[in-house]
Amino acid sequence: MTQFLYDGKPLSKDYKAIDISWLKPTPNCKLCRPTDNYVCFDCEMKQVQSKTNAIYTDCCTWVERCTES
């Protein structure tokens, strides 16, 4: 199991990496490339933060706290 760091501090083990395969290039962005489905980091950040509660870790991974129901 991966230990994620945020601001240099370890996160609890209930954080899991999220799947970001749903991201789409923003049509009016000059950095995104729809031809090869590349999403620039600014657009990635906006999309992830608008749809999830994920945080971006020190090791460049989006993670979200998993809650058992």
N, C-alpha and C. Protein backbone atom coordinates (compact mmCIF):
# COMPACT_ATOMS: atom_id res chain seq x y z
N MET A 1 0.84 -1.18 0.00
CA MET A 1 0.00 0.00 0.00
C MET A 1 0.89 1.24 0.00
N THR A 2 0.53 2.21 -0.81
CA THR A 2 1.30 3.44 -0.93
C THR A 2 0.97 4.39 0.22
N GLN A 3 2.01 4.98 0.79
CA GLN A 3 1.83 6.01 1.81
C GLN A 3 1.95 7.36 1.11
N PHE A 4 0.85 8.10 1.08
CA PHE A 4 0.84 9.40 0.42
C PHE A 4 1.24 10.49 1.39
N LEU A 5 1.97 11.50 0.87
CA LEU A 5 2.37 12.65 1.66
C LEU A 5 1.65 13.89 1.15
N TYR A 6 1.27 14.77 2.07
CA TYR A 6 0.66 16.04 1.72
C TYR A 6 1.34 17.10 2.57
N ASP A 7 1.95 18.08 1.92
CA ASP A 7 2.75 19.10 2.62
C ASP A 7 3.81 18.47 3.51
N GLY A 8 4.40 17.38 3.03
CA GLY A 8 5.48 16.72 3.76
C GLY A 8 5.04 15.83 4.90
N LYS A 9 3.74 15.72 5.13
CA LYS A 9 3.23 14.89 6.23
C LYS A 9 2.47 13.70 5.67
N PRO A 10 2.64 12.53 6.28
CA PRO A 10 1.91 11.35 5.78
C PRO A 10 0.41 11.48 6.01
N LEU A 11 -0.34 11.07 5.01
CA LEU A 11 -1.80 11.00 5.13
C LEU A 11 -2.18 9.67 5.76
N SER A 12 -3.33 9.62 6.38
CA SER A 12 -3.79 8.36 6.96
C SER A 12 -4.01 7.34 5.84
N LYS A 13 -4.04 6.09 6.22
CA LYS A 13 -4.13 5.01 5.24
C LYS A 13 -5.50 4.92 4.56
N ASP A 14 -6.47 5.73 5.00
CA ASP A 14 -7.78 5.68 4.35
C ASP A 14 -7.87 6.57 3.12
N TYR A 15 -6.75 7.13 2.66
CA TYR A 15 -6.72 7.88 1.40
C TYR A 15 -6.31 6.94 0.26
N LYS A 16 -7.05 7.00 -0.82
CA LYS A 16 -6.79 6.15 -1.99
C LYS A 16 -6.68 7.02 -3.23
N ALA A 17 -5.85 6.60 -4.17
CA ALA A 17 -5.72 7.30 -5.45
C ALA A 17 -7.04 7.20 -6.20
N ILE A 18 -7.39 8.28 -6.89
CA ILE A 18 -8.63 8.26 -7.66
C ILE A 18 -8.32 8.06 -9.14
N ASP A 19 -9.30 7.54 -9.86
CA ASP A 19 -9.21 7.35 -11.30
C ASP A 19 -9.57 8.68 -11.98
N ILE A 20 -8.67 9.21 -12.79
CA ILE A 20 -8.96 10.47 -13.48
C ILE A 20 -9.10 10.26 -14.99
N SER A 21 -9.41 9.06 -15.41
CA SER A 21 -9.55 8.77 -16.84
C SER A 21 -10.75 9.49 -17.46
N TRP A 22 -11.64 10.02 -16.64
CA TRP A 22 -12.82 10.74 -17.12
C TRP A 22 -12.52 12.18 -17.54
N LEU A 23 -11.31 12.67 -17.26
CA LEU A 23 -10.96 14.04 -17.61
C LEU A 23 -11.02 14.25 -19.13
N LYS A 24 -11.47 15.43 -19.54
CA LYS A 24 -11.56 15.77 -20.96
C LYS A 24 -10.83 17.08 -21.21
N PRO A 25 -10.16 17.21 -22.36
CA PRO A 25 -9.52 18.47 -22.71
C PRO A 25 -10.56 19.59 -22.78
N THR A 26 -10.20 20.77 -22.31
CA THR A 26 -11.10 21.92 -22.37
C THR A 26 -10.98 22.54 -23.76
N PRO A 27 -12.10 22.65 -24.49
CA PRO A 27 -12.05 23.11 -25.88
C PRO A 27 -11.39 24.48 -26.09
N ASN A 28 -11.61 25.42 -25.19
CA ASN A 28 -11.07 26.77 -25.41
C ASN A 28 -9.72 27.00 -24.73
N CYS A 29 -9.09 25.94 -24.25
CA CYS A 29 -7.78 26.06 -23.60
C CYS A 29 -6.69 25.90 -24.65
N LYS A 30 -5.71 26.80 -24.60
CA LYS A 30 -4.61 26.74 -25.58
C LYS A 30 -3.58 25.66 -25.24
N LEU A 31 -3.62 25.13 -24.02
CA LEU A 31 -2.65 24.11 -23.62
C LEU A 31 -3.17 22.69 -23.74
N CYS A 32 -4.48 22.49 -23.61
CA CYS A 32 -5.07 21.16 -23.78
C CYS A 32 -5.00 20.77 -25.26
N ARG A 33 -4.89 19.46 -25.52
CA ARG A 33 -4.84 18.96 -26.89
C ARG A 33 -5.91 17.90 -27.11
N PRO A 34 -7.04 18.28 -27.67
CA PRO A 34 -8.11 17.31 -27.92
C PRO A 34 -7.70 16.18 -28.87
N THR A 35 -6.73 16.43 -29.75
CA THR A 35 -6.34 15.40 -30.73
C THR A 35 -5.78 14.14 -30.08
N ASP A 36 -5.10 14.30 -28.93
CA ASP A 36 -4.59 13.12 -28.24
C ASP A 36 -5.10 13.03 -26.80
N ASN A 37 -6.18 13.76 -26.53
CA ASN A 37 -6.88 13.71 -25.24
C ASN A 37 -6.00 14.21 -24.07
N TYR A 38 -5.02 15.08 -24.36
CA TYR A 38 -4.17 15.64 -23.30
C TYR A 38 -4.91 16.76 -22.58
N VAL A 39 -4.91 16.70 -21.25
CA VAL A 39 -5.52 17.72 -20.40
C VAL A 39 -4.40 18.43 -19.65
N CYS A 40 -4.29 19.76 -19.81
CA CYS A 40 -3.24 20.49 -19.10
C CYS A 40 -3.53 20.46 -17.60
N PHE A 41 -2.52 20.74 -16.79
CA PHE A 41 -2.69 20.62 -15.35
C PHE A 41 -3.73 21.60 -14.80
N ASP A 42 -3.78 22.83 -15.32
CA ASP A 42 -4.78 23.79 -14.83
C ASP A 42 -6.20 23.27 -15.05
N CYS A 43 -6.46 22.73 -16.22
CA CYS A 43 -7.79 22.19 -16.50
C CYS A 43 -8.05 20.91 -15.70
N GLU A 44 -7.01 20.09 -15.54
CA GLU A 44 -7.13 18.89 -14.71
C GLU A 44 -7.54 19.29 -13.29
N MET A 45 -6.86 20.27 -12.73
CA MET A 45 -7.13 20.70 -11.37
C MET A 45 -8.56 21.22 -11.24
N LYS A 46 -9.00 22.04 -12.18
CA LYS A 46 -10.36 22.58 -12.14
C LYS A 46 -11.40 21.47 -12.22
N GLN A 47 -11.20 20.50 -13.13
CA GLN A 47 -12.17 19.42 -13.29
C GLN A 47 -12.22 18.52 -12.06
N VAL A 48 -11.05 18.15 -11.55
CA VAL A 48 -11.01 17.26 -10.37
C VAL A 48 -11.64 17.95 -9.17
N GLN A 49 -11.29 19.22 -8.93
CA GLN A 49 -11.81 19.92 -7.77
C GLN A 49 -13.29 20.25 -7.89
N SER A 50 -13.81 20.33 -9.10
CA SER A 50 -15.24 20.61 -9.25
C SER A 50 -16.11 19.35 -9.07
N LYS A 51 -15.51 18.16 -9.21
CA LYS A 51 -16.30 16.92 -9.15
C LYS A 51 -15.95 16.01 -7.98
N THR A 52 -14.86 16.29 -7.27
CA THR A 52 -14.44 15.42 -6.18
C THR A 52 -13.97 16.25 -4.99
N ASN A 53 -13.63 15.57 -3.93
CA ASN A 53 -13.00 16.19 -2.76
C ASN A 53 -11.53 15.80 -2.68
N ALA A 54 -10.97 15.42 -3.81
CA ALA A 54 -9.59 14.93 -3.85
C ALA A 54 -8.59 16.04 -3.57
N ILE A 55 -7.44 15.62 -3.07
CA ILE A 55 -6.31 16.54 -2.88
C ILE A 55 -5.14 16.02 -3.69
N TYR A 56 -4.24 16.92 -4.04
CA TYR A 56 -3.07 16.58 -4.85
C TYR A 56 -1.90 16.38 -3.91
N THR A 57 -1.33 15.19 -3.92
CA THR A 57 -0.28 14.85 -2.97
C THR A 57 1.09 15.33 -3.42
N ASP A 58 2.05 15.23 -2.52
CA ASP A 58 3.43 15.60 -2.82
C ASP A 58 4.01 14.74 -3.95
N CYS A 59 3.49 13.53 -4.12
CA CYS A 59 4.00 12.63 -5.17
C CYS A 59 3.15 12.71 -6.44
N CYS A 60 2.43 13.84 -6.59
CA CYS A 60 1.69 14.13 -7.83
C CYS A 60 0.56 13.14 -8.12
N THR A 61 -0.17 12.76 -7.10
CA THR A 61 -1.29 11.85 -7.23
C THR A 61 -2.53 12.47 -6.61
N TRP A 62 -3.66 12.39 -7.29
CA TRP A 62 -4.92 12.84 -6.71
C TRP A 62 -5.44 11.73 -5.80
N VAL A 63 -5.73 12.05 -4.54
CA VAL A 63 -6.24 11.06 -3.60
C VAL A 63 -7.50 11.60 -2.92
N GLU A 64 -8.32 10.67 -2.48
CA GLU A 64 -9.56 11.02 -1.80
C GLU A 64 -9.72 10.09 -0.61
N ARG A 65 -10.27 10.61 0.47
CA ARG A 65 -10.49 9.80 1.65
C ARG A 65 -11.63 8.81 1.36
N CYS A 66 -11.37 7.55 1.61
CA CYS A 66 -12.38 6.51 1.44
C CYS A 66 -13.12 6.35 2.75
N THR A 67 -14.42 6.27 2.64
CA THR A 67 -15.23 6.07 3.84
C THR A 67 -15.99 4.76 3.69
N GLU A 68 -15.91 3.96 4.68
CA GLU A 68 -16.64 2.69 4.70
C GLU A 68 -18.05 2.95 5.20
N SER A 69 -19.04 2.43 4.49
CA SER A 69 -20.44 2.63 4.91
C SER A 69 -21.00 1.36 5.50
